[in-house]
């Protein structure tokens, strides 16, 4: 069956660490992430502002900037389970365990937590998983799937999210 596919990408800079990694990735480090979304439709829009499109590229960019760039770019992405790391971000004068507990409660309730209420006012995005490229791709897919379906009036679907940590290393999430 024929289909149309479109892709949109953005780039962000963010730090992370993989606390359970057996090698150098357990250290604090950063990446120039490239994030690409791919959408598919069996037919193009017949009318309206998206006539002859799968989904508007500008919309994809706006949603990627809102849901990925705004919370993560020039920030640090951390696992909720990484108590030692989160303790380093606790604001001066705050009881670290209580502050970390509040962050974890927000992650449990909302699926992620964004704060700049940190020791150095650093942007911190906390997720309920190790911030690997694989898990970030799945997380961002979950954030983008519904807006894509809604904007396209059900015409398009999000097919995959790809996350490059380096020019040579990419992970993809595409539900089966």
N, C-alpha and C. Protein backbone atom coordinates (compact mmCIF):
# COMPACT_ATOMS: atom_id res chain seq x y z
N UNK A 1 0.84 -1.18 0.00
CA UNK A 1 0.00 0.00 0.00
C UNK A 1 0.89 1.25 0.00
N UNK A 2 0.58 2.18 -0.84
CA UNK A 2 1.36 3.41 -0.96
C UNK A 2 1.16 4.31 0.25
N UNK A 3 2.20 5.08 0.54
CA UNK A 3 2.08 6.07 1.61
C UNK A 3 3.05 7.21 1.36
N UNK A 4 2.79 8.30 2.05
CA UNK A 4 3.67 9.47 2.03
C UNK A 4 4.33 9.54 3.40
N UNK A 5 5.60 9.92 3.43
CA UNK A 5 6.31 10.11 4.70
C UNK A 5 7.02 11.45 4.69
N UNK A 6 6.99 12.11 5.84
CA UNK A 6 7.73 13.35 6.03
C UNK A 6 8.57 13.22 7.29
N UNK A 7 9.67 13.95 7.30
CA UNK A 7 10.56 13.97 8.47
C UNK A 7 10.91 15.40 8.82
N UNK A 8 11.06 15.64 10.12
CA UNK A 8 11.50 16.95 10.64
C UNK A 8 12.52 16.69 11.72
N UNK A 9 13.56 17.50 11.76
CA UNK A 9 14.59 17.31 12.77
C UNK A 9 14.93 18.62 13.45
N UNK A 10 15.37 18.49 14.69
CA UNK A 10 15.90 19.60 15.46
C UNK A 10 17.18 19.13 16.12
N UNK A 11 17.95 20.07 16.62
CA UNK A 11 19.17 19.74 17.35
C UNK A 11 19.12 20.44 18.70
N UNK A 12 19.54 19.72 19.73
CA UNK A 12 19.64 20.30 21.07
C UNK A 12 20.96 19.90 21.69
N UNK A 13 21.39 20.69 22.65
CA UNK A 13 22.59 20.37 23.43
C UNK A 13 22.12 20.08 24.86
N UNK A 14 22.53 18.93 25.39
CA UNK A 14 22.12 18.58 26.75
C UNK A 14 23.14 17.63 27.36
N UNK A 15 23.20 17.67 28.67
CA UNK A 15 24.06 16.75 29.41
C UNK A 15 23.23 15.61 29.97
N UNK A 16 23.92 14.53 30.29
CA UNK A 16 23.29 13.40 30.97
C UNK A 16 24.37 12.49 31.52
N UNK A 17 23.94 11.45 32.19
CA UNK A 17 24.83 10.35 32.55
C UNK A 17 23.98 9.10 32.66
N UNK A 18 24.60 7.97 32.41
CA UNK A 18 23.92 6.69 32.53
C UNK A 18 24.53 6.02 33.76
N UNK A 19 23.84 6.15 34.89
CA UNK A 19 24.41 5.79 36.19
C UNK A 19 24.82 4.33 36.30
N UNK A 20 24.20 3.44 35.56
CA UNK A 20 24.52 2.02 35.65
C UNK A 20 25.51 1.56 34.59
N UNK A 21 25.94 2.45 33.74
CA UNK A 21 26.84 2.07 32.64
C UNK A 21 28.18 1.58 33.18
N UNK A 22 28.72 0.56 32.57
CA UNK A 22 29.97 -0.01 33.03
C UNK A 22 31.21 0.69 32.53
N UNK A 23 31.06 1.75 31.77
CA UNK A 23 32.21 2.43 31.19
C UNK A 23 32.05 3.94 31.33
N UNK A 24 32.59 4.68 30.38
CA UNK A 24 32.67 6.14 30.50
C UNK A 24 31.34 6.87 30.51
N UNK A 25 30.28 6.26 30.03
CA UNK A 25 28.99 6.97 30.00
C UNK A 25 28.37 7.14 31.38
N UNK A 26 28.96 6.54 32.41
CA UNK A 26 28.46 6.79 33.77
C UNK A 26 28.92 8.15 34.27
N UNK A 27 29.88 8.76 33.57
CA UNK A 27 30.35 10.09 33.92
C UNK A 27 29.41 11.16 33.35
N UNK A 28 29.41 12.32 33.99
CA UNK A 28 28.64 13.45 33.45
C UNK A 28 29.24 13.83 32.11
N UNK A 29 28.40 13.98 31.10
CA UNK A 29 28.88 14.39 29.78
C UNK A 29 27.69 14.94 28.99
N UNK A 30 27.98 15.47 27.83
CA UNK A 30 26.92 16.08 27.02
C UNK A 30 26.97 15.61 25.58
N UNK A 31 25.89 15.92 24.88
CA UNK A 31 25.77 15.56 23.47
C UNK A 31 25.13 16.71 22.70
N UNK A 32 25.41 16.74 21.43
CA UNK A 32 24.67 17.56 20.47
C UNK A 32 23.66 16.58 19.87
N UNK A 33 22.51 16.46 20.53
CA UNK A 33 21.49 15.53 20.07
C UNK A 33 20.84 16.04 18.79
N UNK A 34 20.60 15.12 17.88
CA UNK A 34 19.77 15.39 16.71
C UNK A 34 18.52 14.52 16.90
N UNK A 35 17.37 15.16 16.87
CA UNK A 35 16.10 14.46 17.08
C UNK A 35 15.28 14.60 15.80
N UNK A 36 14.87 13.46 15.26
CA UNK A 36 14.11 13.45 14.01
C UNK A 36 12.79 12.71 14.25
N UNK A 37 11.70 13.31 13.77
CA UNK A 37 10.41 12.63 13.80
C UNK A 37 10.01 12.31 12.37
N UNK A 38 9.33 11.18 12.23
CA UNK A 38 8.85 10.76 10.92
C UNK A 38 7.36 10.50 11.02
N UNK A 39 6.60 11.09 10.09
CA UNK A 39 5.15 10.92 10.04
C UNK A 39 4.76 10.31 8.71
N UNK A 40 3.66 9.57 8.71
CA UNK A 40 3.20 8.88 7.51
C UNK A 40 1.70 9.09 7.33
N UNK A 41 1.27 9.13 6.08
CA UNK A 41 -0.15 9.18 5.75
C UNK A 41 -0.39 8.40 4.46
N UNK A 42 -1.52 7.74 4.39
CA UNK A 42 -1.90 7.01 3.18
C UNK A 42 -2.43 7.96 2.11
N UNK A 43 -2.90 9.12 2.57
CA UNK A 43 -3.41 10.14 1.64
C UNK A 43 -3.00 11.51 2.15
N UNK A 44 -2.98 12.47 1.25
CA UNK A 44 -2.69 13.84 1.63
C UNK A 44 -3.97 14.57 1.98
N UNK A 45 -3.86 15.63 2.76
CA UNK A 45 -5.03 16.43 3.08
C UNK A 45 -5.65 16.97 1.80
N UNK A 46 -6.96 16.90 1.72
CA UNK A 46 -7.66 17.32 0.51
C UNK A 46 -7.96 18.82 0.48
N UNK A 47 -8.00 19.44 1.67
CA UNK A 47 -8.33 20.87 1.70
C UNK A 47 -7.81 21.50 2.99
N UNK A 48 -8.02 22.79 3.11
CA UNK A 48 -7.56 23.50 4.30
C UNK A 48 -6.11 23.92 4.19
N UNK A 49 -5.58 24.41 5.29
CA UNK A 49 -4.21 24.93 5.26
C UNK A 49 -3.14 23.86 5.07
N UNK A 50 -3.52 22.59 5.22
CA UNK A 50 -2.56 21.50 5.00
C UNK A 50 -2.84 20.77 3.69
N UNK A 51 -3.50 21.43 2.75
CA UNK A 51 -3.82 20.81 1.46
C UNK A 51 -2.55 20.23 0.84
N UNK A 52 -2.67 19.00 0.39
CA UNK A 52 -1.58 18.26 -0.27
C UNK A 52 -0.37 18.03 0.64
N UNK A 53 -0.60 17.98 1.95
CA UNK A 53 0.47 17.70 2.92
C UNK A 53 0.08 16.49 3.77
N UNK A 54 1.11 15.82 4.32
CA UNK A 54 0.92 14.81 5.35
C UNK A 54 0.57 15.53 6.65
N UNK A 55 1.46 16.41 7.06
CA UNK A 55 1.28 17.28 8.22
C UNK A 55 2.24 18.46 8.02
N UNK A 56 1.85 19.60 8.48
CA UNK A 56 2.64 20.81 8.27
C UNK A 56 4.01 20.74 8.95
N UNK A 57 5.08 20.99 8.22
CA UNK A 57 6.43 20.99 8.78
C UNK A 57 6.57 22.03 9.90
N UNK A 58 5.94 23.18 9.72
CA UNK A 58 6.01 24.22 10.74
C UNK A 58 5.39 23.76 12.05
N UNK A 59 4.28 23.03 11.97
CA UNK A 59 3.66 22.47 13.16
C UNK A 59 4.61 21.49 13.84
N UNK A 60 5.22 20.60 13.05
CA UNK A 60 6.16 19.63 13.64
C UNK A 60 7.29 20.35 14.36
N UNK A 61 7.83 21.37 13.73
CA UNK A 61 8.91 22.13 14.36
C UNK A 61 8.42 22.77 15.66
N UNK A 62 7.26 23.41 15.62
CA UNK A 62 6.74 24.07 16.83
C UNK A 62 6.56 23.08 17.96
N UNK A 63 6.00 21.91 17.67
CA UNK A 63 5.78 20.91 18.72
C UNK A 63 7.10 20.34 19.24
N UNK A 64 8.06 20.11 18.36
CA UNK A 64 9.36 19.60 18.78
C UNK A 64 10.09 20.63 19.65
N UNK A 65 9.96 21.88 19.29
CA UNK A 65 10.59 22.94 20.09
C UNK A 65 9.92 23.04 21.45
N UNK A 66 8.61 22.92 21.49
CA UNK A 66 7.86 23.02 22.75
C UNK A 66 8.10 21.83 23.67
N UNK A 67 8.08 20.63 23.10
CA UNK A 67 8.12 19.41 23.91
C UNK A 67 9.52 18.83 24.13
N UNK A 68 10.48 19.20 23.28
CA UNK A 68 11.83 18.65 23.40
C UNK A 68 12.84 19.76 23.68
N UNK A 69 12.90 20.76 22.79
CA UNK A 69 13.89 21.82 22.94
C UNK A 69 13.68 22.62 24.22
N UNK A 70 12.48 23.11 24.45
CA UNK A 70 12.25 23.99 25.60
C UNK A 70 12.63 23.34 26.93
N UNK A 71 12.23 22.09 27.19
CA UNK A 71 12.61 21.52 28.48
C UNK A 71 14.04 20.98 28.54
N UNK A 72 14.65 20.65 27.41
CA UNK A 72 15.93 19.92 27.46
C UNK A 72 17.14 20.67 26.94
N UNK A 73 16.98 21.58 25.96
CA UNK A 73 18.14 22.22 25.35
C UNK A 73 18.91 23.04 26.39
N UNK A 74 20.22 22.88 26.37
CA UNK A 74 21.12 23.55 27.30
C UNK A 74 20.73 23.28 28.76
N UNK A 75 20.35 22.04 28.99
CA UNK A 75 20.02 21.59 30.33
C UNK A 75 20.65 20.25 30.59
N UNK A 76 20.19 19.62 31.66
CA UNK A 76 20.70 18.31 32.04
C UNK A 76 19.52 17.37 32.16
N UNK A 77 19.64 16.18 31.56
CA UNK A 77 18.59 15.16 31.60
C UNK A 77 19.06 14.08 32.58
N UNK A 78 18.25 13.82 33.60
CA UNK A 78 18.66 12.89 34.65
C UNK A 78 17.58 11.86 34.93
N UNK A 79 18.01 10.70 35.38
CA UNK A 79 17.08 9.64 35.81
C UNK A 79 16.60 9.93 37.22
N UNK A 80 15.31 9.72 37.46
CA UNK A 80 14.75 9.92 38.80
C UNK A 80 15.42 9.01 39.82
N UNK A 81 15.92 7.87 39.39
CA UNK A 81 16.57 6.92 40.31
C UNK A 81 17.99 7.34 40.68
N UNK A 82 18.56 8.32 40.00
CA UNK A 82 19.95 8.72 40.22
C UNK A 82 20.03 9.71 41.40
N UNK A 83 19.86 9.18 42.61
CA UNK A 83 19.80 10.01 43.82
C UNK A 83 21.07 10.83 44.03
N UNK A 84 22.23 10.24 43.79
CA UNK A 84 23.48 10.98 43.99
C UNK A 84 23.57 12.19 43.07
N UNK A 85 23.23 11.99 41.82
CA UNK A 85 23.28 13.09 40.87
C UNK A 85 22.24 14.15 41.21
N UNK A 86 21.02 13.74 41.48
CA UNK A 86 19.98 14.71 41.81
C UNK A 86 20.35 15.51 43.05
N UNK A 87 21.00 14.87 44.01
CA UNK A 87 21.44 15.58 45.21
C UNK A 87 22.39 16.72 44.90
N UNK A 88 23.19 16.57 43.86
CA UNK A 88 24.11 17.63 43.45
C UNK A 88 23.37 18.87 42.94
N UNK A 89 22.16 18.68 42.44
CA UNK A 89 21.36 19.78 41.90
C UNK A 89 20.50 20.46 42.96
N UNK A 90 20.37 19.85 44.14
CA UNK A 90 19.50 20.42 45.17
C UNK A 90 19.93 21.84 45.50
N UNK A 91 18.97 22.76 45.61
CA UNK A 91 19.32 24.15 45.91
C UNK A 91 20.04 24.29 47.25
N UNK A 92 20.91 25.28 47.34
CA UNK A 92 21.62 25.57 48.59
C UNK A 92 20.57 25.83 49.67
N UNK A 93 20.75 25.21 50.80
CA UNK A 93 19.83 25.41 51.92
C UNK A 93 18.65 24.45 51.91
N UNK A 94 18.43 23.77 50.81
CA UNK A 94 17.32 22.81 50.74
C UNK A 94 17.79 21.48 51.32
N UNK A 95 16.87 20.78 51.92
CA UNK A 95 17.18 19.44 52.38
C UNK A 95 17.16 18.54 51.15
N UNK A 96 18.31 18.01 50.76
CA UNK A 96 18.44 17.30 49.50
C UNK A 96 17.43 16.16 49.37
N UNK A 97 17.26 15.36 50.40
CA UNK A 97 16.34 14.22 50.30
C UNK A 97 14.91 14.67 50.04
N UNK A 98 14.50 15.73 50.70
CA UNK A 98 13.15 16.25 50.52
C UNK A 98 12.98 16.83 49.12
N UNK A 99 13.99 17.57 48.65
CA UNK A 99 13.94 18.17 47.31
C UNK A 99 13.87 17.08 46.25
N UNK A 100 14.72 16.05 46.37
CA UNK A 100 14.72 14.93 45.43
C UNK A 100 13.36 14.22 45.48
N UNK A 101 12.81 14.06 46.68
CA UNK A 101 11.50 13.42 46.81
C UNK A 101 10.42 14.18 46.08
N UNK A 102 10.47 15.50 46.12
CA UNK A 102 9.51 16.32 45.40
C UNK A 102 9.63 16.16 43.89
N UNK A 103 10.86 16.11 43.42
CA UNK A 103 11.11 15.90 41.98
C UNK A 103 10.58 14.53 41.56
N UNK A 104 10.87 13.51 42.37
CA UNK A 104 10.41 12.15 42.04
C UNK A 104 8.88 12.07 42.04
N UNK A 105 8.24 12.77 42.95
CA UNK A 105 6.78 12.76 42.99
C UNK A 105 6.21 13.39 41.72
N UNK A 106 6.84 14.46 41.24
CA UNK A 106 6.38 15.09 40.00
C UNK A 106 6.59 14.16 38.81
N UNK A 107 7.72 13.46 38.78
CA UNK A 107 7.97 12.50 37.69
C UNK A 107 6.92 11.40 37.72
N UNK A 108 6.60 10.90 38.91
CA UNK A 108 5.60 9.84 39.03
C UNK A 108 4.23 10.32 38.56
N UNK A 109 3.90 11.57 38.85
CA UNK A 109 2.59 12.11 38.49
C UNK A 109 2.49 12.50 37.02
N UNK A 110 3.56 13.09 36.47
CA UNK A 110 3.51 13.69 35.14
C UNK A 110 4.34 12.97 34.07
N UNK A 111 5.14 11.99 34.44
CA UNK A 111 5.98 11.30 33.47
C UNK A 111 7.34 11.94 33.27
N UNK A 112 7.55 13.15 33.80
CA UNK A 112 8.83 13.87 33.75
C UNK A 112 8.68 15.09 34.64
N UNK A 113 9.81 15.68 34.99
CA UNK A 113 9.79 16.91 35.79
C UNK A 113 10.83 17.87 35.22
N UNK A 114 10.44 19.12 35.06
CA UNK A 114 11.35 20.17 34.61
C UNK A 114 11.45 21.20 35.72
N UNK A 115 12.68 21.56 36.08
CA UNK A 115 12.87 22.59 37.09
C UNK A 115 14.14 23.37 36.81
N UNK A 116 14.13 24.62 37.24
CA UNK A 116 15.36 25.42 37.30
C UNK A 116 15.62 25.81 38.75
N UNK A 117 14.84 25.25 39.66
CA UNK A 117 15.04 25.45 41.09
C UNK A 117 16.15 24.50 41.53
N UNK A 118 17.36 24.80 41.06
CA UNK A 118 18.52 23.95 41.30
C UNK A 118 19.65 24.79 41.89
N UNK A 119 20.67 24.11 42.34
CA UNK A 119 21.80 24.77 42.99
C UNK A 119 22.36 25.92 42.17
N UNK A 120 22.51 25.75 40.89
CA UNK A 120 23.08 26.80 40.03
C UNK A 120 22.05 27.36 39.07
N UNK A 121 20.77 27.17 39.37
CA UNK A 121 19.67 27.59 38.51
C UNK A 121 19.75 26.92 37.13
N UNK A 122 20.35 25.75 37.11
CA UNK A 122 20.51 24.96 35.89
C UNK A 122 19.19 24.29 35.53
N UNK A 123 18.89 24.25 34.25
CA UNK A 123 17.70 23.55 33.78
C UNK A 123 17.92 22.05 33.97
N UNK A 124 16.98 21.41 34.65
CA UNK A 124 17.06 19.98 34.95
C UNK A 124 15.76 19.32 34.51
N UNK A 125 15.88 18.31 33.65
CA UNK A 125 14.73 17.54 33.17
C UNK A 125 14.91 16.12 33.70
N UNK A 126 14.01 15.70 34.56
CA UNK A 126 14.13 14.40 35.22
C UNK A 126 13.08 13.45 34.65
N UNK A 127 13.54 12.25 34.29
CA UNK A 127 12.70 11.24 33.65
C UNK A 127 12.71 9.95 34.46
N UNK A 128 11.71 9.09 34.26
CA UNK A 128 11.61 7.86 35.05
C UNK A 128 12.42 6.69 34.49
N UNK A 129 13.43 6.98 33.72
CA UNK A 129 14.26 5.94 33.08
C UNK A 129 15.68 6.48 32.94
N UNK A 130 16.60 5.59 32.59
CA UNK A 130 17.95 6.02 32.28
C UNK A 130 17.86 6.87 31.00
N UNK A 131 18.50 8.03 30.95
CA UNK A 131 18.37 8.89 29.77
C UNK A 131 19.25 8.43 28.60
N UNK A 132 18.98 7.21 28.16
CA UNK A 132 19.66 6.68 26.98
C UNK A 132 18.96 7.22 25.73
N UNK A 133 19.63 7.15 24.61
CA UNK A 133 19.00 7.59 23.36
C UNK A 133 17.74 6.77 23.07
N UNK A 134 17.77 5.48 23.36
CA UNK A 134 16.62 4.62 23.12
C UNK A 134 15.40 5.09 23.93
N UNK A 135 15.63 5.32 25.23
CA UNK A 135 14.52 5.72 26.10
C UNK A 135 14.05 7.14 25.80
N UNK A 136 14.96 8.03 25.44
CA UNK A 136 14.55 9.38 25.07
C UNK A 136 13.70 9.35 23.80
N UNK A 137 14.07 8.52 22.83
CA UNK A 137 13.27 8.39 21.61
C UNK A 137 11.85 7.93 21.95
N UNK A 138 11.72 6.94 22.83
CA UNK A 138 10.41 6.44 23.22
C UNK A 138 9.62 7.51 23.99
N UNK A 139 10.29 8.22 24.89
CA UNK A 139 9.64 9.28 25.67
C UNK A 139 9.12 10.39 24.76
N UNK A 140 9.96 10.86 23.86
CA UNK A 140 9.55 11.95 22.97
C UNK A 140 8.47 11.48 22.00
N UNK A 141 8.51 10.21 21.59
CA UNK A 141 7.44 9.66 20.76
C UNK A 141 6.11 9.80 21.52
N UNK A 142 6.11 9.40 22.79
CA UNK A 142 4.90 9.49 23.59
C UNK A 142 4.36 10.90 23.72
N UNK A 143 5.24 11.87 23.76
CA UNK A 143 4.81 13.27 23.86
C UNK A 143 4.24 13.79 22.54
N UNK A 144 4.77 13.32 21.42
CA UNK A 144 4.40 13.86 20.11
C UNK A 144 3.26 13.12 19.41
N UNK A 145 3.00 11.89 19.79
CA UNK A 145 2.03 11.07 19.06
C UNK A 145 0.65 11.71 18.98
N UNK A 146 0.11 12.15 20.08
CA UNK A 146 -1.24 12.72 20.09
C UNK A 146 -1.32 14.06 19.37
N UNK A 147 -0.37 14.99 19.60
CA UNK A 147 -0.46 16.25 18.84
C UNK A 147 -0.40 16.05 17.32
N UNK A 148 0.39 15.09 16.84
CA UNK A 148 0.45 14.83 15.40
C UNK A 148 -0.89 14.32 14.89
N UNK A 149 -1.48 13.38 15.61
CA UNK A 149 -2.78 12.84 15.19
C UNK A 149 -3.85 13.93 15.19
N UNK A 150 -3.84 14.77 16.23
CA UNK A 150 -4.85 15.82 16.32
C UNK A 150 -4.69 16.87 15.23
N UNK A 151 -3.46 17.31 15.00
CA UNK A 151 -3.20 18.36 14.01
C UNK A 151 -3.54 17.90 12.60
N UNK A 152 -3.36 16.60 12.35
CA UNK A 152 -3.62 16.08 11.00
C UNK A 152 -5.04 15.55 10.85
N UNK A 153 -5.87 15.78 11.85
CA UNK A 153 -7.25 15.26 11.83
C UNK A 153 -7.26 13.75 11.58
N UNK A 154 -6.29 13.06 12.15
CA UNK A 154 -6.22 11.61 12.01
C UNK A 154 -5.66 11.13 10.70
N UNK A 155 -5.29 12.04 9.83
CA UNK A 155 -4.77 11.67 8.51
C UNK A 155 -3.35 11.09 8.62
N UNK A 156 -2.54 11.67 9.48
CA UNK A 156 -1.14 11.24 9.62
C UNK A 156 -0.93 10.55 10.96
N UNK A 157 0.08 9.74 11.00
CA UNK A 157 0.48 9.13 12.26
C UNK A 157 1.98 9.26 12.41
N UNK A 158 2.40 9.38 13.66
CA UNK A 158 3.82 9.41 13.97
C UNK A 158 4.34 7.99 13.79
N UNK A 159 5.37 7.84 12.98
CA UNK A 159 5.92 6.52 12.67
C UNK A 159 7.10 6.20 13.58
N UNK A 160 8.00 7.19 13.75
CA UNK A 160 9.22 6.92 14.50
C UNK A 160 9.82 8.22 15.01
N UNK A 161 10.58 8.08 16.08
CA UNK A 161 11.43 9.16 16.57
C UNK A 161 12.84 8.59 16.63
N UNK A 162 13.78 9.34 16.05
CA UNK A 162 15.19 8.94 16.03
C UNK A 162 15.99 9.96 16.83
N UNK A 163 16.93 9.45 17.61
CA UNK A 163 17.78 10.31 18.44
C UNK A 163 19.23 9.93 18.19
N UNK A 164 19.98 10.89 17.65
CA UNK A 164 21.42 10.72 17.46
C UNK A 164 22.11 11.36 18.66
N UNK A 165 23.00 10.60 19.30
CA UNK A 165 23.86 11.17 20.34
C UNK A 165 25.14 11.71 19.72
N UNK A 166 25.57 11.07 18.67
CA UNK A 166 26.76 11.50 17.92
C UNK A 166 26.43 11.29 16.45
N UNK A 167 27.28 11.78 15.54
CA UNK A 167 27.01 11.54 14.12
C UNK A 167 27.01 10.06 13.76
N UNK A 168 27.59 9.20 14.61
CA UNK A 168 27.69 7.78 14.32
C UNK A 168 26.75 6.89 15.13
N UNK A 169 26.05 7.45 16.11
CA UNK A 169 25.25 6.63 17.03
C UNK A 169 23.82 7.16 17.11
N UNK A 170 22.87 6.32 16.67
CA UNK A 170 21.46 6.72 16.62
C UNK A 170 20.61 5.59 17.19
N UNK A 171 19.55 5.99 17.90
CA UNK A 171 18.54 5.04 18.38
C UNK A 171 17.20 5.47 17.81
N UNK A 172 16.35 4.49 17.54
CA UNK A 172 15.03 4.77 16.98
C UNK A 172 13.97 4.06 17.81
N UNK A 173 12.86 4.76 18.02
CA UNK A 173 11.68 4.12 18.60
C UNK A 173 10.56 4.21 17.59
N UNK A 174 10.02 3.04 17.24
CA UNK A 174 8.90 2.92 16.30
C UNK A 174 8.03 1.77 16.82
N UNK A 175 6.90 2.08 17.43
CA UNK A 175 6.09 1.01 17.99
C UNK A 175 5.60 0.05 16.91
N UNK A 176 5.48 -1.20 17.29
CA UNK A 176 5.11 -2.24 16.33
C UNK A 176 3.69 -2.38 16.04
